[in-house]
Amino acid sequence: MKWLSLVLILAVSGCTPTIQVEAPKDPIVINLNVKIEHEIRIKVDRDLNELFEENSDIF
């Protein structure tokens, strides 16, 4: 009976999962595809302001 329990304990302990944490071998690459529309909006806003100033009697 003792031998059976010893064999069971050894069998169960051999199946315990192991967790390994490793850093990736390749560097992490973050690719940001960002459109910058700030300048275009400023130009459009300025053009609209000038248009409204020139034709202020429309409204």
C-alpha atoms as a PDB file:
ATOM      1  CA  MET A   1       0.000   0.000   0.000  1.00  0.00           C
ATOM      2  CA  LYS A   2       2.859   2.403   0.813  1.00  0.00           C
ATOM      3  CA  TRP A   3       4.519   1.633  -2.511  1.00  0.00           C
ATOM      4  CA  LEU A   4       1.325   2.330  -4.391  1.00  0.00           C
ATOM      5  CA  SER A   5       0.855   5.703  -2.720  1.00  0.00           C
ATOM      6  CA  LEU A   6       4.516   6.572  -3.381  1.00  0.00           C
ATOM      7  CA  VAL A   7       4.148   5.658  -7.057  1.00  0.00           C
ATOM      8  CA  LEU A   8       0.958   7.741  -7.283  1.00  0.00           C
ATOM      9  CA  ILE A   9       2.631  10.751  -5.678  1.00  0.00           C
ATOM     10  CA  LEU A  10       5.600  10.504  -8.049  1.00  0.00           C
ATOM     11  CA  ALA A  11       3.305  10.107 -11.066  1.00  0.00           C
ATOM     12  CA  VAL A  12       1.194  13.111 -10.131  1.00  0.00           C
ATOM     13  CA  SER A  13       4.194  15.315  -9.303  1.00  0.00           C
ATOM     14  CA  GLY A  14       5.718  14.520 -12.690  1.00  0.00           C
ATOM     15  CA  CYS A  15       2.671  16.021 -14.438  1.00  0.00           C
ATOM     16  CA  THR A  16       2.672  19.403 -12.737  1.00  0.00           C
ATOM     17  CA  PRO A  17       2.609  22.265 -15.261  1.00  0.00           C
ATOM     18  CA  THR A  18       5.460  24.746 -15.386  1.00  0.00           C
ATOM     19  CA  ILE A  19       5.052  28.395 -16.311  1.00  0.00           C
ATOM     20  CA  GLN A  20       7.972  30.216 -17.875  1.00  0.00           C
ATOM     21  CA  VAL A  21       8.030  33.929 -18.562  1.00  0.00           C
ATOM     22  CA  GLU A  22      10.518  35.082 -21.180  1.00  0.00           C
ATOM     23  CA  ALA A  23      11.144  38.363 -22.921  1.00  0.00           C
ATOM     24  CA  PRO A  24      10.597  38.224 -26.687  1.00  0.00           C
ATOM     25  CA  LYS A  25      13.708  37.725 -28.784  1.00  0.00           C
ATOM     26  CA  ASP A  26      12.602  40.270 -31.424  1.00  0.00           C
ATOM     27  CA  PRO A  27      12.076  43.916 -30.501  1.00  0.00           C
ATOM     28  CA  ILE A  28       8.519  45.131 -30.096  1.00  0.00           C
ATOM     29  CA  VAL A  29       7.448  47.231 -33.072  1.00  0.00           C
ATOM     30  CA  ILE A  30       4.537  49.656 -32.750  1.00  0.00           C
ATOM     31  CA  ASN A  31       3.372  50.896 -36.118  1.00  0.00           C
ATOM     32  CA  LEU A  32       1.241  54.022 -35.876  1.00  0.00           C
ATOM     33  CA  ASN A  33      -0.490  55.115 -39.042  1.00  0.00           C
ATOM     34  CA  VAL A  34      -1.735  58.539 -38.018  1.00  0.00           C
ATOM     35  CA  LYS A  35      -3.026  61.215 -40.330  1.00  0.00           C
ATOM     36  CA  ILE A  36      -2.273  64.755 -39.318  1.00  0.00           C
ATOM     37  CA  GLU A  37      -4.985  67.039 -40.649  1.00  0.00           C
ATOM     38  CA  HIS A  38      -4.432  69.982 -38.347  1.00  0.00           C
ATOM     39  CA  GLU A  39      -2.767  72.205 -40.937  1.00  0.00           C
ATOM     40  CA  ILE A  40      -5.477  71.559 -43.534  1.00  0.00           C
ATOM     41  CA  ARG A  41      -8.226  72.421 -41.092  1.00  0.00           C
ATOM     42  CA  ILE A  42      -6.523  75.670 -40.117  1.00  0.00           C
ATOM     43  CA  LYS A  43      -6.243  76.665 -43.775  1.00  0.00           C
ATOM     44  CA  VAL A  44      -9.906  75.865 -44.408  1.00  0.00           C
ATOM     45  CA  ASP A  45     -10.948  77.738 -41.260  1.00  0.00           C
ATOM     46  CA  ARG A  46      -8.911  80.782 -42.298  1.00  0.00           C
ATOM     47  CA  ASP A  47     -10.350  80.690 -45.805  1.00  0.00           C
ATOM     48  CA  LEU A  48     -13.868  80.446 -44.437  1.00  0.00           C
ATOM     49  CA  ASN A  49     -13.290  83.327 -42.027  1.00  0.00           C
ATOM     50  CA  GLU A  50     -11.980  85.474 -44.868  1.00  0.00           C
ATOM     51  CA  LEU A  51     -14.961  84.538 -47.027  1.00  0.00           C
ATOM     52  CA  PHE A  52     -17.415  85.406 -44.262  1.00  0.00           C
ATOM     53  CA  GLU A  53     -15.647  88.705 -43.612  1.00  0.00           C
ATOM     54  CA  GLU A  54     -15.752  89.621 -47.294  1.00  0.00           C
ATOM     55  CA  ASN A  55     -19.416  88.685 -47.633  1.00  0.00           C
ATOM     56  CA  SER A  56     -20.721  89.604 -44.224  1.00  0.00           C
ATOM     57  CA  ASP A  57     -24.027  90.821 -45.697  1.00  0.00           C
ATOM     58  CA  ILE A  58     -24.986  87.258 -46.747  1.00  0.00           C
ATOM     59  CA  PHE A  59     -26.164  86.363 -43.251  1.00  0.00           C
END
